[in-house]
């Protein structure tokens, strides 16, 4: 849950709270609003 919240912030704003390792690769998605839901879909399913 905490990781999901952090990654959601990263994907929607480009900022995270803490080290996300390779998940930081998703940081550029926020520049493409049409792709935010694409990046978040697997996270919602996992949750």
ModelCIF file with pLDDT and N, C-alpha, C, O atoms, coordinates in Angstrom:
data_MODEL
#
_entry.id   MODEL 
#
_entity.id                         1 
_entity.type                       polymer 
_entity.pdbx_number_of_molecules   1 
#
_entity_poly.entity_id                      1 
_entity_poly.type                           'polypeptide(L)' 
_entity_poly.nstd_linkage                   no 
_entity_poly.nstd_monomer                   no 
_entity_poly.pdbx_seq_one_letter_code       
;(UNK)(UNK)(UNK)(UNK)(UNK)(UNK)(UNK)(UNK)(UNK)(UNK)(UNK)(UNK)(UNK)(UNK)(UNK)(UNK)
(UNK)(UNK)(UNK)(UNK)(UNK)(UNK)(UNK)(UNK)(UNK)(UNK)(UNK)(UNK)(UNK)(UNK)(UNK)(UNK)
(UNK)(UNK)(UNK)(UNK)(UNK)(UNK)(UNK)(UNK)(UNK)(UNK)(UNK)(UNK)(UNK)(UNK)(UNK)
;
_entity_poly.pdbx_seq_one_letter_code_can   XXXXXXXXXXXXXXXXXXXXXXXXXXXXXXXXXXXXXXXXXXXXXXX 
_entity_poly.pdbx_strand_id                 A 
#
loop_
_entity_poly_seq.entity_id 
_entity_poly_seq.num 
_entity_poly_seq.mon_id 
_entity_poly_seq.hetero 
1 1  UNK n 
1 2  UNK n 
1 3  UNK n 
1 4  UNK n 
1 5  UNK n 
1 6  UNK n 
1 7  UNK n 
1 8  UNK n 
1 9  UNK n 
1 10 UNK n 
1 11 UNK n 
1 12 UNK n 
1 13 UNK n 
1 14 UNK n 
1 15 UNK n 
1 16 UNK n 
1 17 UNK n 
1 18 UNK n 
1 19 UNK n 
1 20 UNK n 
1 21 UNK n 
1 22 UNK n 
1 23 UNK n 
1 24 UNK n 
1 25 UNK n 
1 26 UNK n 
1 27 UNK n 
1 28 UNK n 
1 29 UNK n 
1 30 UNK n 
1 31 UNK n 
1 32 UNK n 
1 33 UNK n 
1 34 UNK n 
1 35 UNK n 
1 36 UNK n 
1 37 UNK n 
1 38 UNK n 
1 39 UNK n 
1 40 UNK n 
1 41 UNK n 
1 42 UNK n 
1 43 UNK n 
1 44 UNK n 
1 45 UNK n 
1 46 UNK n 
1 47 UNK n 
#
_struct_asym.id          A 
_struct_asym.entity_id   1 
#
loop_
_ma_qa_metric.id 
_ma_qa_metric.mode 
_ma_qa_metric.name 
_ma_qa_metric.software_group_id 
_ma_qa_metric.type 
1 global pLDDT . pLDDT 
2 local  pLDDT . pLDDT 
#
_ma_qa_metric_global.metric_id      1 
_ma_qa_metric_global.metric_value   92.32 
_ma_qa_metric_global.model_id       1 
_ma_qa_metric_global.ordinal_id     1 
#
loop_
_ma_qa_metric_local.label_asym_id 
_ma_qa_metric_local.label_comp_id 
_ma_qa_metric_local.label_seq_id 
_ma_qa_metric_local.metric_id 
_ma_qa_metric_local.metric_value 
_ma_qa_metric_local.model_id 
_ma_qa_metric_local.ordinal_id 
A UNK 1  2 95.00 1 1  
A UNK 2  2 94.00 1 2  
A UNK 3  2 94.00 1 3  
A UNK 4  2 95.00 1 4  
A UNK 5  2 94.00 1 5  
A UNK 6  2 95.00 1 6  
A UNK 7  2 95.00 1 7  
A UNK 8  2 95.00 1 8  
A UNK 9  2 95.00 1 9  
A UNK 10 2 94.00 1 10 
A UNK 11 2 94.00 1 11 
A UNK 12 2 94.00 1 12 
A UNK 13 2 93.00 1 13 
A UNK 14 2 90.00 1 14 
A UNK 15 2 89.00 1 15 
A UNK 16 2 87.00 1 16 
A UNK 17 2 85.00 1 17 
A UNK 18 2 82.00 1 18 
A UNK 19 2 85.00 1 19 
A UNK 20 2 89.00 1 20 
A UNK 21 2 89.00 1 21 
A UNK 22 2 90.00 1 22 
A UNK 23 2 90.00 1 23 
A UNK 24 2 89.00 1 24 
A UNK 25 2 91.00 1 25 
A UNK 26 2 92.00 1 26 
A UNK 27 2 90.00 1 27 
A UNK 28 2 90.00 1 28 
A UNK 29 2 92.00 1 29 
A UNK 30 2 91.00 1 30 
A UNK 31 2 91.00 1 31 
A UNK 32 2 91.00 1 32 
A UNK 33 2 91.00 1 33 
A UNK 34 2 90.00 1 34 
A UNK 35 2 93.00 1 35 
A UNK 36 2 95.00 1 36 
A UNK 37 2 95.00 1 37 
A UNK 38 2 95.00 1 38 
A UNK 39 2 95.00 1 39 
A UNK 40 2 96.00 1 40 
A UNK 41 2 96.00 1 41 
A UNK 42 2 96.00 1 42 
A UNK 43 2 95.00 1 43 
A UNK 44 2 95.00 1 44 
A UNK 45 2 96.00 1 45 
A UNK 46 2 96.00 1 46 
A UNK 47 2 95.00 1 47 
#
loop_
_atom_site.group_PDB 
_atom_site.id 
_atom_site.type_symbol 
_atom_site.label_atom_id 
_atom_site.label_alt_id 
_atom_site.label_comp_id 
_atom_site.label_asym_id 
_atom_site.label_entity_id 
_atom_site.label_seq_id 
_atom_site.pdbx_PDB_ins_code 
_atom_site.Cartn_x 
_atom_site.Cartn_y 
_atom_site.Cartn_z 
_atom_site.occupancy 
_atom_site.B_iso_or_equiv 
_atom_site.pdbx_formal_charge 
_atom_site.auth_seq_id 
_atom_site.auth_comp_id 
_atom_site.auth_asym_id 
_atom_site.auth_atom_id 
_atom_site.pdbx_PDB_model_num 
ATOM 1   N N  . UNK A 1 1  ? 0.838  -1.211 0.000   1.00 95.00 ? 1  UNK A N  1 
ATOM 2   C CA . UNK A 1 1  ? 0.000  0.000  0.000   1.00 95.00 ? 1  UNK A CA 1 
ATOM 3   C C  . UNK A 1 1  ? 0.867  1.252  0.000   1.00 95.00 ? 1  UNK A C  1 
ATOM 4   O O  . UNK A 1 1  ? 0.611  2.180  -0.768  1.00 95.00 ? 1  UNK A O  1 
ATOM 5   N N  . UNK A 1 2  ? 1.885  1.289  0.849   1.00 94.00 ? 2  UNK A N  1 
ATOM 6   C CA . UNK A 1 2  ? 2.773  2.461  0.915   1.00 94.00 ? 2  UNK A CA 1 
ATOM 7   C C  . UNK A 1 2  ? 3.524  2.652  -0.403  1.00 94.00 ? 2  UNK A C  1 
ATOM 8   O O  . UNK A 1 2  ? 3.683  3.778  -0.874  1.00 94.00 ? 2  UNK A O  1 
ATOM 9   N N  . UNK A 1 3  ? 3.983  1.555  -0.994  1.00 94.00 ? 3  UNK A N  1 
ATOM 10  C CA . UNK A 1 3  ? 4.697  1.636  -2.262  1.00 94.00 ? 3  UNK A CA 1 
ATOM 11  C C  . UNK A 1 3  ? 3.753  2.112  -3.369  1.00 94.00 ? 3  UNK A C  1 
ATOM 12  O O  . UNK A 1 3  ? 4.135  2.932  -4.204  1.00 94.00 ? 3  UNK A O  1 
ATOM 13  N N  . UNK A 1 4  ? 2.529  1.599  -3.372  1.00 95.00 ? 4  UNK A N  1 
ATOM 14  C CA . UNK A 1 4  ? 1.531  2.028  -4.350  1.00 95.00 ? 4  UNK A CA 1 
ATOM 15  C C  . UNK A 1 4  ? 1.305  3.538  -4.251  1.00 95.00 ? 4  UNK A C  1 
ATOM 16  O O  . UNK A 1 4  ? 1.299  4.231  -5.268  1.00 95.00 ? 4  UNK A O  1 
ATOM 17  N N  . UNK A 1 5  ? 1.119  4.046  -3.039  1.00 94.00 ? 5  UNK A N  1 
ATOM 18  C CA . UNK A 1 5  ? 0.904  5.483  -2.848  1.00 94.00 ? 5  UNK A CA 1 
ATOM 19  C C  . UNK A 1 5  ? 2.091  6.288  -3.359  1.00 94.00 ? 5  UNK A C  1 
ATOM 20  O O  . UNK A 1 5  ? 1.914  7.327  -3.995  1.00 94.00 ? 5  UNK A O  1 
ATOM 21  N N  . UNK A 1 6  ? 3.296  5.812  -3.084  1.00 95.00 ? 6  UNK A N  1 
ATOM 22  C CA . UNK A 1 6  ? 4.507  6.502  -3.514  1.00 95.00 ? 6  UNK A CA 1 
ATOM 23  C C  . UNK A 1 6  ? 4.631  6.481  -5.045  1.00 95.00 ? 6  UNK A C  1 
ATOM 24  O O  . UNK A 1 6  ? 4.943  7.499  -5.661  1.00 95.00 ? 6  UNK A O  1 
ATOM 25  N N  . UNK A 1 7  ? 4.387  5.333  -5.639  1.00 95.00 ? 7  UNK A N  1 
ATOM 26  C CA . UNK A 1 7  ? 4.487  5.219  -7.101  1.00 95.00 ? 7  UNK A CA 1 
ATOM 27  C C  . UNK A 1 7  ? 3.379  6.030  -7.770  1.00 95.00 ? 7  UNK A C  1 
ATOM 28  O O  . UNK A 1 7  ? 3.608  6.636  -8.817  1.00 95.00 ? 7  UNK A O  1 
ATOM 29  N N  . UNK A 1 8  ? 2.186  6.051  -7.181  1.00 95.00 ? 8  UNK A N  1 
ATOM 30  C CA . UNK A 1 8  ? 1.108  6.880  -7.746  1.00 95.00 ? 8  UNK A CA 1 
ATOM 31  C C  . UNK A 1 8  ? 1.526  8.349  -7.763  1.00 95.00 ? 8  UNK A C  1 
ATOM 32  O O  . UNK A 1 8  ? 1.286  9.049  -8.746  1.00 95.00 ? 8  UNK A O  1 
ATOM 33  N N  . UNK A 1 9  ? 2.147  8.820  -6.686  1.00 95.00 ? 9  UNK A N  1 
ATOM 34  C CA . UNK A 1 9  ? 2.640  10.198 -6.662  1.00 95.00 ? 9  UNK A CA 1 
ATOM 35  C C  . UNK A 1 9  ? 3.694  10.408 -7.746  1.00 95.00 ? 9  UNK A C  1 
ATOM 36  O O  . UNK A 1 9  ? 3.689  11.428 -8.435  1.00 95.00 ? 9  UNK A O  1 
ATOM 37  N N  . UNK A 1 10 ? 4.597  9.440  -7.892  1.00 94.00 ? 10 UNK A N  1 
ATOM 38  C CA . UNK A 1 10 ? 5.643  9.530  -8.905  1.00 94.00 ? 10 UNK A CA 1 
ATOM 39  C C  . UNK A 1 10 ? 5.041  9.623  -10.307 1.00 94.00 ? 10 UNK A C  1 
ATOM 40  O O  . UNK A 1 10 ? 5.446  10.467 -11.107 1.00 94.00 ? 10 UNK A O  1 
ATOM 41  N N  . UNK A 1 11 ? 4.078  8.757  -10.598 1.00 94.00 ? 11 UNK A N  1 
ATOM 42  C CA . UNK A 1 11 ? 3.488  8.685  -11.931 1.00 94.00 ? 11 UNK A CA 1 
ATOM 43  C C  . UNK A 1 11 ? 2.632  9.917  -12.234 1.00 94.00 ? 11 UNK A C  1 
ATOM 44  O O  . UNK A 1 11 ? 2.582  10.366 -13.379 1.00 94.00 ? 11 UNK A O  1 
ATOM 45  N N  . UNK A 1 12 ? 1.964  10.462 -11.225 1.00 94.00 ? 12 UNK A N  1 
ATOM 46  C CA . UNK A 1 12 ? 1.080  11.602 -11.468 1.00 94.00 ? 12 UNK A CA 1 
ATOM 47  C C  . UNK A 1 12 ? 1.778  12.951 -11.356 1.00 94.00 ? 12 UNK A C  1 
ATOM 48  O O  . UNK A 1 12 ? 1.338  13.920 -11.974 1.00 94.00 ? 12 UNK A O  1 
ATOM 49  N N  . UNK A 1 13 ? 2.870  13.034 -10.573 1.00 93.00 ? 13 UNK A N  1 
ATOM 50  C CA . UNK A 1 13 ? 3.537  14.331 -10.378 1.00 93.00 ? 13 UNK A CA 1 
ATOM 51  C C  . UNK A 1 13 ? 5.007  14.340 -10.788 1.00 93.00 ? 13 UNK A C  1 
ATOM 52  O O  . UNK A 1 13 ? 5.581  15.406 -11.008 1.00 93.00 ? 13 UNK A O  1 
ATOM 53  N N  . UNK A 1 14 ? 5.615  13.169 -10.892 1.00 90.00 ? 14 UNK A N  1 
ATOM 54  C CA . UNK A 1 14 ? 7.044  13.096 -11.182 1.00 90.00 ? 14 UNK A CA 1 
ATOM 55  C C  . UNK A 1 14 ? 7.903  13.112 -9.934  1.00 90.00 ? 14 UNK A C  1 
ATOM 56  O O  . UNK A 1 14 ? 9.131  13.077 -10.024 1.00 90.00 ? 14 UNK A O  1 
ATOM 57  N N  . UNK A 1 15 ? 7.265  13.164 -8.759  1.00 89.00 ? 15 UNK A N  1 
ATOM 58  C CA . UNK A 1 15 ? 7.999  13.208 -7.487  1.00 89.00 ? 15 UNK A CA 1 
ATOM 59  C C  . UNK A 1 15 ? 7.609  12.030 -6.608  1.00 89.00 ? 15 UNK A C  1 
ATOM 60  O O  . UNK A 1 15 ? 6.456  11.601 -6.591  1.00 89.00 ? 15 UNK A O  1 
ATOM 61  N N  . UNK A 1 16 ? 8.587  11.520 -5.882  1.00 87.00 ? 16 UNK A N  1 
ATOM 62  C CA . UNK A 1 16 ? 8.323  10.431 -4.946  1.00 87.00 ? 16 UNK A CA 1 
ATOM 63  C C  . UNK A 1 16 ? 8.919  10.781 -3.595  1.00 87.00 ? 16 UNK A C  1 
ATOM 64  O O  . UNK A 1 16 ? 9.702  11.723 -3.471  1.00 87.00 ? 16 UNK A O  1 
ATOM 65  N N  . UNK A 1 17 ? 8.540  10.014 -2.589  1.00 85.00 ? 17 UNK A N  1 
ATOM 66  C CA . UNK A 1 17 ? 9.115  10.202 -1.254  1.00 85.00 ? 17 UNK A CA 1 
ATOM 67  C C  . UNK A 1 17 ? 9.959  8.975  -0.955  1.00 85.00 ? 17 UNK A C  1 
ATOM 68  O O  . UNK A 1 17 ? 9.464  7.972  -0.440  1.00 85.00 ? 17 UNK A O  1 
ATOM 69  N N  . UNK A 1 18 ? 11.220 9.069  -1.281  1.00 82.00 ? 18 UNK A N  1 
ATOM 70  C CA . UNK A 1 18 ? 12.108 7.952  -0.994  1.00 82.00 ? 18 UNK A CA 1 
ATOM 71  C C  . UNK A 1 18 ? 12.589 7.255  -2.247  1.00 82.00 ? 18 UNK A C  1 
ATOM 72  O O  . UNK A 1 18 ? 12.150 7.550  -3.358  1.00 82.00 ? 18 UNK A O  1 
ATOM 73  N N  . UNK A 1 19 ? 13.503 6.324  -2.040  1.00 85.00 ? 19 UNK A N  1 
ATOM 74  C CA . UNK A 1 19 ? 14.126 5.588  -3.134  1.00 85.00 ? 19 UNK A CA 1 
ATOM 75  C C  . UNK A 1 19 ? 13.188 4.494  -3.630  1.00 85.00 ? 19 UNK A C  1 
ATOM 76  O O  . UNK A 1 19 ? 12.737 3.657  -2.848  1.00 85.00 ? 19 UNK A O  1 
ATOM 77  N N  . UNK A 1 20 ? 12.900 4.501  -4.908  1.00 89.00 ? 20 UNK A N  1 
ATOM 78  C CA . UNK A 1 20 ? 12.036 3.484  -5.503  1.00 89.00 ? 20 UNK A CA 1 
ATOM 79  C C  . UNK A 1 20 ? 12.816 2.505  -6.370  1.00 89.00 ? 20 UNK A C  1 
ATOM 80  O O  . UNK A 1 20 ? 12.223 1.619  -6.985  1.00 89.00 ? 20 UNK A O  1 
ATOM 81  N N  . UNK A 1 21 ? 14.123 2.651  -6.427  1.00 89.00 ? 21 UNK A N  1 
ATOM 82  C CA . UNK A 1 21 ? 14.924 1.750  -7.251  1.00 89.00 ? 21 UNK A CA 1 
ATOM 83  C C  . UNK A 1 21 ? 14.510 1.841  -8.711  1.00 89.00 ? 21 UNK A C  1 
ATOM 84  O O  . UNK A 1 21 ? 14.327 2.932  -9.251  1.00 89.00 ? 21 UNK A O  1 
ATOM 85  N N  . UNK A 1 22 ? 14.363 0.675  -9.345  1.00 90.00 ? 22 UNK A N  1 
ATOM 86  C CA . UNK A 1 22 ? 14.018 0.638  -10.767 1.00 90.00 ? 22 UNK A CA 1 
ATOM 87  C C  . UNK A 1 22 ? 12.636 1.209  -11.064 1.00 90.00 ? 22 UNK A C  1 
ATOM 88  O O  . UNK A 1 22 ? 12.359 1.609  -12.195 1.00 90.00 ? 22 UNK A O  1 
ATOM 89  N N  . UNK A 1 23 ? 11.774 1.248  -10.064 1.00 90.00 ? 23 UNK A N  1 
ATOM 90  C CA . UNK A 1 23 ? 10.442 1.824  -10.281 1.00 90.00 ? 23 UNK A CA 1 
ATOM 91  C C  . UNK A 1 23 ? 10.522 3.307  -10.645 1.00 90.00 ? 23 UNK A C  1 
ATOM 92  O O  . UNK A 1 23 ? 9.569  3.863  -11.191 1.00 90.00 ? 23 UNK A O  1 
ATOM 93  N N  . UNK A 1 24 ? 11.639 3.941  -10.350 1.00 89.00 ? 24 UNK A N  1 
ATOM 94  C CA . UNK A 1 24 ? 11.833 5.350  -10.720 1.00 89.00 ? 24 UNK A CA 1 
ATOM 95  C C  . UNK A 1 24 ? 11.773 5.536  -12.230 1.00 89.00 ? 24 UNK A C  1 
ATOM 96  O O  . UNK A 1 24 ? 11.586 6.653  -12.711 1.00 89.00 ? 24 UNK A O  1 
ATOM 97  N N  . UNK A 1 25 ? 11.930 4.454  -12.975 1.00 91.00 ? 25 UNK A N  1 
ATOM 98  C CA . UNK A 1 25 ? 11.843 4.540  -14.436 1.00 91.00 ? 25 UNK A CA 1 
ATOM 99  C C  . UNK A 1 25 ? 10.473 5.025  -14.881 1.00 91.00 ? 25 UNK A C  1 
ATOM 100 O O  . UNK A 1 25 ? 10.329 5.501  -16.008 1.00 91.00 ? 25 UNK A O  1 
ATOM 101 N N  . UNK A 1 26 ? 9.472  4.918  -14.033 1.00 92.00 ? 26 UNK A N  1 
ATOM 102 C CA . UNK A 1 26 ? 8.122  5.372  -14.359 1.00 92.00 ? 26 UNK A CA 1 
ATOM 103 C C  . UNK A 1 26 ? 7.940  6.875  -14.146 1.00 92.00 ? 26 UNK A C  1 
ATOM 104 O O  . UNK A 1 26 ? 6.851  7.402  -14.374 1.00 92.00 ? 26 UNK A O  1 
ATOM 105 N N  . UNK A 1 27 ? 8.982  7.562  -13.717 1.00 90.00 ? 27 UNK A N  1 
ATOM 106 C CA . UNK A 1 27 ? 8.868  8.983  -13.382 1.00 90.00 ? 27 UNK A CA 1 
ATOM 107 C C  . UNK A 1 27 ? 8.475  9.870  -14.557 1.00 90.00 ? 27 UNK A C  1 
ATOM 108 O O  . UNK A 1 27 ? 7.827  10.898 -14.358 1.00 90.00 ? 27 UNK A O  1 
ATOM 109 N N  . UNK A 1 28 ? 8.848  9.497  -15.765 1.00 90.00 ? 28 UNK A N  1 
ATOM 110 C CA . UNK A 1 28 ? 8.534  10.327 -16.921 1.00 90.00 ? 28 UNK A CA 1 
ATOM 111 C C  . UNK A 1 28 ? 7.098  10.238 -17.388 1.00 90.00 ? 28 UNK A C  1 
ATOM 112 O O  . UNK A 1 28 ? 6.673  11.037 -18.223 1.00 90.00 ? 28 UNK A O  1 
ATOM 113 N N  . UNK A 1 29 ? 6.339  9.287  -16.870 1.00 92.00 ? 29 UNK A N  1 
ATOM 114 C CA . UNK A 1 29 ? 4.960  9.099  -17.321 1.00 92.00 ? 29 UNK A CA 1 
ATOM 115 C C  . UNK A 1 29 ? 4.109  10.334 -17.044 1.00 92.00 ? 29 UNK A C  1 
ATOM 116 O O  . UNK A 1 29 ? 3.188  10.634 -17.804 1.00 92.00 ? 29 UNK A O  1 
ATOM 117 N N  . UNK A 1 30 ? 4.408  11.048 -15.969 1.00 91.00 ? 30 UNK A N  1 
ATOM 118 C CA . UNK A 1 30 ? 3.582  12.218 -15.631 1.00 91.00 ? 30 UNK A CA 1 
ATOM 119 C C  . UNK A 1 30 ? 3.574  13.266 -16.747 1.00 91.00 ? 30 UNK A C  1 
ATOM 120 O O  . UNK A 1 30 ? 2.668  14.097 -16.811 1.00 91.00 ? 30 UNK A O  1 
ATOM 121 N N  . UNK A 1 31 ? 4.568  13.230 -17.615 1.00 91.00 ? 31 UNK A N  1 
ATOM 122 C CA . UNK A 1 31 ? 4.628  14.186 -18.734 1.00 91.00 ? 31 UNK A CA 1 
ATOM 123 C C  . UNK A 1 31 ? 3.624  13.834 -19.833 1.00 91.00 ? 31 UNK A C  1 
ATOM 124 O O  . UNK A 1 31 ? 3.395  14.626 -20.747 1.00 91.00 ? 31 UNK A O  1 
ATOM 125 N N  . UNK A 1 32 ? 3.032  12.652 -19.741 1.00 91.00 ? 32 UNK A N  1 
ATOM 126 C CA . UNK A 1 32 ? 2.092  12.168 -20.749 1.00 91.00 ? 32 UNK A CA 1 
ATOM 127 C C  . UNK A 1 32 ? 0.785  11.780 -20.055 1.00 91.00 ? 32 UNK A C  1 
ATOM 128 O O  . UNK A 1 32 ? 0.555  10.601 -19.786 1.00 91.00 ? 32 UNK A O  1 
ATOM 129 N N  . UNK A 1 33 ? -0.069 12.760 -19.765 1.00 91.00 ? 33 UNK A N  1 
ATOM 130 C CA . UNK A 1 33 ? -1.293 12.493 -18.988 1.00 91.00 ? 33 UNK A CA 1 
ATOM 131 C C  . UNK A 1 33 ? -2.148 11.351 -19.528 1.00 91.00 ? 33 UNK A C  1 
ATOM 132 O O  . UNK A 1 33 ? -2.796 10.650 -18.751 1.00 91.00 ? 33 UNK A O  1 
ATOM 133 N N  . UNK A 1 34 ? -2.161 11.157 -20.823 1.00 90.00 ? 34 UNK A N  1 
ATOM 134 C CA . UNK A 1 34 ? -2.960 10.075 -21.403 1.00 90.00 ? 34 UNK A CA 1 
ATOM 135 C C  . UNK A 1 34 ? -2.418 8.708  -21.019 1.00 90.00 ? 34 UNK A C  1 
ATOM 136 O O  . UNK A 1 34 ? -3.130 7.712  -21.149 1.00 90.00 ? 34 UNK A O  1 
ATOM 137 N N  . UNK A 1 35 ? -1.178 8.630  -20.549 1.00 93.00 ? 35 UNK A N  1 
ATOM 138 C CA . UNK A 1 35 ? -0.557 7.352  -20.197 1.00 93.00 ? 35 UNK A CA 1 
ATOM 139 C C  . UNK A 1 35 ? -0.523 7.082  -18.701 1.00 93.00 ? 35 UNK A C  1 
ATOM 140 O O  . UNK A 1 35 ? -0.098 6.006  -18.282 1.00 93.00 ? 35 UNK A O  1 
ATOM 141 N N  . UNK A 1 36 ? -0.959 8.030  -17.894 1.00 95.00 ? 36 UNK A N  1 
ATOM 142 C CA . UNK A 1 36 ? -0.939 7.843  -16.438 1.00 95.00 ? 36 UNK A CA 1 
ATOM 143 C C  . UNK A 1 36 ? -1.783 6.637  -16.042 1.00 95.00 ? 36 UNK A C  1 
ATOM 144 O O  . UNK A 1 36 ? -1.344 5.820  -15.232 1.00 95.00 ? 36 UNK A O  1 
ATOM 145 N N  . UNK A 1 37 ? -2.988 6.511  -16.600 1.00 95.00 ? 37 UNK A N  1 
ATOM 146 C CA . UNK A 1 37 ? -3.851 5.383  -16.257 1.00 95.00 ? 37 UNK A CA 1 
ATOM 147 C C  . UNK A 1 37 ? -3.239 4.057  -16.706 1.00 95.00 ? 37 UNK A C  1 
ATOM 148 O O  . UNK A 1 37 ? -3.432 3.029  -16.056 1.00 95.00 ? 37 UNK A O  1 
ATOM 149 N N  . UNK A 1 38 ? -2.504 4.081  -17.812 1.00 95.00 ? 38 UNK A N  1 
ATOM 150 C CA . UNK A 1 38 ? -1.837 2.859  -18.291 1.00 95.00 ? 38 UNK A CA 1 
ATOM 151 C C  . UNK A 1 38 ? -0.822 2.374  -17.256 1.00 95.00 ? 38 UNK A C  1 
ATOM 152 O O  . UNK A 1 38 ? -0.752 1.183  -16.953 1.00 95.00 ? 38 UNK A O  1 
ATOM 153 N N  . UNK A 1 39 ? -0.046 3.297  -16.727 1.00 95.00 ? 39 UNK A N  1 
ATOM 154 C CA . UNK A 1 39 ? 0.994  2.940  -15.761 1.00 95.00 ? 39 UNK A CA 1 
ATOM 155 C C  . UNK A 1 39 ? 0.410  2.538  -14.412 1.00 95.00 ? 39 UNK A C  1 
ATOM 156 O O  . UNK A 1 39 ? 1.006  1.736  -13.693 1.00 95.00 ? 39 UNK A O  1 
ATOM 157 N N  . UNK A 1 40 ? -0.747 3.088  -14.065 1.00 96.00 ? 40 UNK A N  1 
ATOM 158 C CA . UNK A 1 40 ? -1.349 2.791  -12.764 1.00 96.00 ? 40 UNK A CA 1 
ATOM 159 C C  . UNK A 1 40 ? -2.233 1.549  -12.762 1.00 96.00 ? 40 UNK A C  1 
ATOM 160 O O  . UNK A 1 40 ? -2.480 0.972  -11.704 1.00 96.00 ? 40 UNK A O  1 
ATOM 161 N N  . UNK A 1 41 ? -2.706 1.135  -13.919 1.00 96.00 ? 41 UNK A N  1 
ATOM 162 C CA . UNK A 1 41 ? -3.616 -0.013 -13.977 1.00 96.00 ? 41 UNK A CA 1 
ATOM 163 C C  . UNK A 1 41 ? -3.075 -1.250 -13.264 1.00 96.00 ? 41 UNK A C  1 
ATOM 164 O O  . UNK A 1 41 ? -3.782 -1.808 -12.425 1.00 96.00 ? 41 UNK A O  1 
ATOM 165 N N  . UNK A 1 42 ? -1.855 -1.704 -13.558 1.00 96.00 ? 42 UNK A N  1 
ATOM 166 C CA . UNK A 1 42 ? -1.369 -2.901 -12.855 1.00 96.00 ? 42 UNK A CA 1 
ATOM 167 C C  . UNK A 1 42 ? -1.290 -2.719 -11.343 1.00 96.00 ? 42 UNK A C  1 
ATOM 168 O O  . UNK A 1 42 ? -1.482 -3.675 -10.593 1.00 96.00 ? 42 UNK A O  1 
ATOM 169 N N  . UNK A 1 43 ? -1.011 -1.514 -10.898 1.00 95.00 ? 43 UNK A N  1 
ATOM 170 C CA . UNK A 1 43 ? -0.935 -1.244 -9.465  1.00 95.00 ? 43 UNK A CA 1 
ATOM 171 C C  . UNK A 1 43 ? -2.304 -1.391 -8.809  1.00 95.00 ? 43 UNK A C  1 
ATOM 172 O O  . UNK A 1 43 ? -2.418 -1.954 -7.721  1.00 95.00 ? 43 UNK A O  1 
ATOM 173 N N  . UNK A 1 44 ? -3.346 -0.880 -9.476  1.00 95.00 ? 44 UNK A N  1 
ATOM 174 C CA . UNK A 1 44 ? -4.698 -1.031 -8.941  1.00 95.00 ? 44 UNK A CA 1 
ATOM 175 C C  . UNK A 1 44 ? -5.094 -2.502 -8.888  1.00 95.00 ? 44 UNK A C  1 
ATOM 176 O O  . UNK A 1 44 ? -5.725 -2.944 -7.928  1.00 95.00 ? 44 UNK A O  1 
ATOM 177 N N  . UNK A 1 45 ? -4.726 -3.256 -9.913  1.00 96.00 ? 45 UNK A N  1 
ATOM 178 C CA . UNK A 1 45 ? -5.046 -4.693 -9.941  1.00 96.00 ? 45 UNK A CA 1 
ATOM 179 C C  . UNK A 1 45 ? -4.303 -5.429 -8.831  1.00 96.00 ? 45 UNK A C  1 
ATOM 180 O O  . UNK A 1 45 ? -4.883 -6.287 -8.167  1.00 96.00 ? 45 UNK A O  1 
ATOM 181 N N  . UNK A 1 46 ? -3.039 -5.108 -8.624  1.00 96.00 ? 46 UNK A N  1 
ATOM 182 C CA . UNK A 1 46 ? -2.271 -5.738 -7.550  1.00 96.00 ? 46 UNK A CA 1 
ATOM 183 C C  . UNK A 1 46 ? -2.866 -5.390 -6.193  1.00 96.00 ? 46 UNK A C  1 
ATOM 184 O O  . UNK A 1 46 ? -2.976 -6.254 -5.323  1.00 96.00 ? 46 UNK A O  1 
ATOM 185 N N  . UNK A 1 47 ? -3.247 -4.140 -6.008  1.00 95.00 ? 47 UNK A N  1 
ATOM 186 C CA . UNK A 1 47 ? -3.862 -3.742 -4.735  1.00 95.00 ? 47 UNK A CA 1 
ATOM 187 C C  . UNK A 1 47 ? -5.122 -4.561 -4.472  1.00 95.00 ? 47 UNK A C  1 
ATOM 188 O O  . UNK A 1 47 ? -5.780 -4.371 -3.449  1.00 95.00 ? 47 UNK A O  1 
#
